[in-house]
Amino acid sequence: MNTGKAAGPRSPVPGPAVFVGLERADGVFFFVSVRDIRQAQEHNGRVRLVFGEGTTFMTRMTLSEFTAALHEAGGCY
């Protein structure tokens, strides 16, 4: 009997990408995908982001500002 369902485990369908606007310490403003951020670290009162490929950069945001920006964009961290 064919139920029309695929056999075996299925990969979850990813949700829509969430982007957040950030300002780097040098004043450059840009958008990043929340999915690409692997780690957020607080360093000297500012947020340093670590991306999947190992790239890091410092933002002008405090941790509370970064958390609020993610929350506003619909992401969570």
N, C-alpha and C. Protein backbone atom coordinates (compact mmCIF):
# COMPACT_ATOMS: atom_id res chain seq x y z
N MET A 1 0.83 -1.17 0.00
CA MET A 1 0.00 0.00 0.00
C MET A 1 0.89 1.25 0.00
N ASN A 2 0.65 2.14 -0.90
CA ASN A 2 1.43 3.36 -1.01
C ASN A 2 0.69 4.49 -0.30
N THR A 3 1.32 5.02 0.75
CA THR A 3 0.70 6.12 1.50
C THR A 3 1.12 7.48 0.97
N GLY A 4 2.07 7.50 0.06
CA GLY A 4 2.54 8.76 -0.50
C GLY A 4 3.59 9.45 0.36
N LYS A 5 4.01 8.80 1.42
CA LYS A 5 5.01 9.39 2.31
C LYS A 5 6.37 8.78 2.01
N ALA A 6 7.40 9.58 2.09
CA ALA A 6 8.76 9.09 1.88
C ALA A 6 9.19 8.25 3.06
N ALA A 7 9.91 7.19 2.77
CA ALA A 7 10.41 6.33 3.84
C ALA A 7 11.70 6.89 4.40
N GLY A 8 11.94 6.68 5.66
CA GLY A 8 13.20 7.10 6.29
C GLY A 8 13.12 8.51 6.85
N PRO A 9 14.19 8.90 7.55
CA PRO A 9 14.19 10.23 8.17
C PRO A 9 14.28 11.34 7.13
N ARG A 10 13.71 12.45 7.46
CA ARG A 10 13.75 13.59 6.55
C ARG A 10 14.47 14.75 7.22
N SER A 11 15.16 15.50 6.41
CA SER A 11 15.83 16.70 6.93
C SER A 11 14.78 17.76 7.23
N PRO A 12 14.97 18.48 8.33
CA PRO A 12 14.00 19.54 8.61
C PRO A 12 14.12 20.65 7.57
N VAL A 13 13.02 21.26 7.28
CA VAL A 13 13.02 22.37 6.33
C VAL A 13 13.50 23.61 7.08
N PRO A 14 14.56 24.24 6.59
CA PRO A 14 15.06 25.42 7.30
C PRO A 14 14.07 26.56 7.23
N GLY A 15 14.03 27.35 8.27
CA GLY A 15 13.19 28.54 8.28
C GLY A 15 13.78 29.60 7.37
N PRO A 16 13.06 30.68 7.19
CA PRO A 16 13.59 31.75 6.34
C PRO A 16 14.83 32.37 6.97
N ALA A 17 15.71 32.83 6.12
CA ALA A 17 16.95 33.46 6.61
C ALA A 17 16.61 34.75 7.33
N VAL A 18 17.30 34.99 8.41
CA VAL A 18 17.12 36.23 9.18
C VAL A 18 18.39 37.05 9.04
N PHE A 19 18.24 38.28 8.61
CA PHE A 19 19.38 39.17 8.46
C PHE A 19 19.29 40.28 9.49
N VAL A 20 20.43 40.71 9.97
CA VAL A 20 20.48 41.79 10.94
C VAL A 20 21.50 42.82 10.46
N GLY A 21 21.17 44.09 10.60
CA GLY A 21 22.08 45.16 10.22
C GLY A 21 23.03 45.46 11.36
N LEU A 22 24.31 45.51 11.06
CA LEU A 22 25.34 45.77 12.07
C LEU A 22 26.29 46.85 11.60
N GLU A 23 26.93 47.48 12.56
CA GLU A 23 27.97 48.46 12.23
C GLU A 23 29.28 47.96 12.81
N ARG A 24 30.26 47.80 11.92
CA ARG A 24 31.59 47.37 12.36
C ARG A 24 32.27 48.49 13.13
N ALA A 25 33.31 48.15 13.87
CA ALA A 25 34.04 49.14 14.67
C ALA A 25 34.61 50.27 13.81
N ASP A 26 34.88 49.99 12.52
CA ASP A 26 35.42 51.03 11.64
C ASP A 26 34.34 51.87 10.98
N GLY A 27 33.07 51.65 11.37
CA GLY A 27 31.97 52.46 10.88
C GLY A 27 31.25 51.92 9.67
N VAL A 28 31.69 50.81 9.10
CA VAL A 28 31.04 50.22 7.94
C VAL A 28 29.76 49.52 8.39
N PHE A 29 28.64 49.85 7.74
CA PHE A 29 27.35 49.25 8.07
C PHE A 29 27.03 48.19 7.03
N PHE A 30 26.52 47.04 7.46
CA PHE A 30 26.21 45.94 6.55
C PHE A 30 25.19 45.01 7.18
N PHE A 31 24.67 44.10 6.39
CA PHE A 31 23.73 43.08 6.86
C PHE A 31 24.43 41.73 6.85
N VAL A 32 24.15 40.92 7.86
CA VAL A 32 24.68 39.56 7.91
C VAL A 32 23.53 38.61 8.19
N SER A 33 23.67 37.40 7.69
CA SER A 33 22.71 36.34 7.98
C SER A 33 23.01 35.80 9.37
N VAL A 34 21.97 35.71 10.18
CA VAL A 34 22.14 35.20 11.54
C VAL A 34 22.68 33.77 11.51
N ARG A 35 22.33 33.02 10.48
CA ARG A 35 22.81 31.63 10.35
C ARG A 35 24.33 31.54 10.22
N ASP A 36 24.94 32.59 9.67
CA ASP A 36 26.40 32.57 9.46
C ASP A 36 27.19 32.86 10.73
N ILE A 37 26.53 33.44 11.74
CA ILE A 37 27.22 33.78 12.98
C ILE A 37 27.36 32.51 13.82
N ARG A 38 28.58 32.17 14.16
CA ARG A 38 28.84 30.97 14.96
C ARG A 38 28.98 31.30 16.44
N GLN A 39 29.45 32.51 16.73
CA GLN A 39 29.68 32.88 18.12
C GLN A 39 29.66 34.39 18.24
N ALA A 40 29.12 34.87 19.35
CA ALA A 40 29.19 36.29 19.69
C ALA A 40 29.90 36.39 21.03
N GLN A 41 30.97 37.17 21.06
CA GLN A 41 31.76 37.31 22.28
C GLN A 41 31.75 38.77 22.71
N GLU A 42 31.75 38.99 24.01
CA GLU A 42 31.87 40.36 24.50
C GLU A 42 33.34 40.63 24.76
N HIS A 43 33.84 41.72 24.18
CA HIS A 43 35.25 42.08 24.31
C HIS A 43 35.34 43.59 24.51
N ASN A 44 35.85 44.01 25.66
CA ASN A 44 35.96 45.44 25.99
C ASN A 44 34.62 46.17 25.84
N GLY A 45 33.54 45.50 26.24
CA GLY A 45 32.22 46.11 26.20
C GLY A 45 31.54 46.10 24.85
N ARG A 46 32.17 45.54 23.84
CA ARG A 46 31.60 45.47 22.49
C ARG A 46 31.49 44.02 22.05
N VAL A 47 30.67 43.79 21.03
CA VAL A 47 30.44 42.43 20.54
C VAL A 47 31.42 42.12 19.42
N ARG A 48 32.10 40.99 19.54
CA ARG A 48 32.95 40.45 18.48
C ARG A 48 32.21 39.24 17.92
N LEU A 49 32.04 39.21 16.61
CA LEU A 49 31.35 38.10 15.96
C LEU A 49 32.35 37.15 15.33
N VAL A 50 32.06 35.87 15.44
CA VAL A 50 32.87 34.83 14.81
C VAL A 50 31.95 34.12 13.82
N PHE A 51 32.39 34.04 12.58
CA PHE A 51 31.60 33.39 11.53
C PHE A 51 32.12 31.98 11.28
N GLY A 52 31.34 31.19 10.55
CA GLY A 52 31.64 29.79 10.32
C GLY A 52 33.01 29.51 9.75
N GLU A 53 33.50 30.36 8.88
CA GLU A 53 34.80 30.13 8.25
C GLU A 53 35.94 30.67 9.10
N GLY A 54 35.64 31.17 10.28
CA GLY A 54 36.67 31.65 11.19
C GLY A 54 36.90 33.15 11.16
N THR A 55 36.26 33.84 10.25
CA THR A 55 36.38 35.29 10.17
C THR A 55 35.80 35.92 11.43
N THR A 56 36.49 36.90 11.97
CA THR A 56 35.97 37.62 13.13
C THR A 56 36.01 39.11 12.85
N PHE A 57 35.12 39.85 13.47
CA PHE A 57 35.23 41.30 13.46
C PHE A 57 34.49 41.88 14.64
N MET A 58 34.91 43.03 15.02
CA MET A 58 34.36 43.74 16.16
C MET A 58 33.25 44.67 15.68
N THR A 59 32.16 44.73 16.43
CA THR A 59 31.08 45.66 16.13
C THR A 59 31.16 46.85 17.09
N ARG A 60 30.35 47.84 16.84
CA ARG A 60 30.24 48.98 17.76
C ARG A 60 29.15 48.74 18.80
N MET A 61 28.48 47.61 18.73
CA MET A 61 27.34 47.33 19.60
C MET A 61 27.76 46.71 20.92
N THR A 62 27.00 47.03 21.95
CA THR A 62 27.16 46.32 23.22
C THR A 62 26.39 45.01 23.09
N LEU A 63 26.58 44.12 24.03
CA LEU A 63 25.89 42.83 23.98
C LEU A 63 24.38 43.02 24.05
N SER A 64 23.91 43.95 24.88
CA SER A 64 22.46 44.18 24.98
C SER A 64 21.91 44.78 23.68
N GLU A 65 22.66 45.65 23.02
CA GLU A 65 22.23 46.20 21.74
C GLU A 65 22.18 45.12 20.66
N PHE A 66 23.18 44.24 20.67
CA PHE A 66 23.23 43.14 19.70
C PHE A 66 22.04 42.20 19.90
N THR A 67 21.76 41.85 21.15
CA THR A 67 20.64 40.97 21.46
C THR A 67 19.32 41.61 21.03
N ALA A 68 19.16 42.91 21.29
CA ALA A 68 17.95 43.62 20.89
C ALA A 68 17.80 43.65 19.37
N ALA A 69 18.91 43.86 18.65
CA ALA A 69 18.87 43.88 17.18
C ALA A 69 18.46 42.52 16.63
N LEU A 70 18.99 41.45 17.21
CA LEU A 70 18.60 40.11 16.77
C LEU A 70 17.14 39.84 17.04
N HIS A 71 16.69 40.24 18.21
CA HIS A 71 15.29 40.02 18.59
C HIS A 71 14.37 40.78 17.64
N GLU A 72 14.73 42.02 17.33
CA GLU A 72 13.94 42.84 16.43
C GLU A 72 13.90 42.25 15.02
N ALA A 73 15.02 41.65 14.59
CA ALA A 73 15.10 41.05 13.25
C ALA A 73 14.37 39.71 13.18
N GLY A 74 14.01 39.16 14.33
CA GLY A 74 13.30 37.88 14.32
C GLY A 74 14.19 36.70 14.58
N GLY A 75 15.46 36.94 14.86
CA GLY A 75 16.38 35.85 15.18
C GLY A 75 16.53 35.74 16.69
N CYS A 76 17.30 34.78 17.09
CA CYS A 76 17.59 34.66 18.52
C CYS A 76 19.03 34.20 18.65
N TYR A 77 19.62 34.49 19.75
CA TYR A 77 21.01 34.10 19.96
C TYR A 77 21.19 33.67 21.38
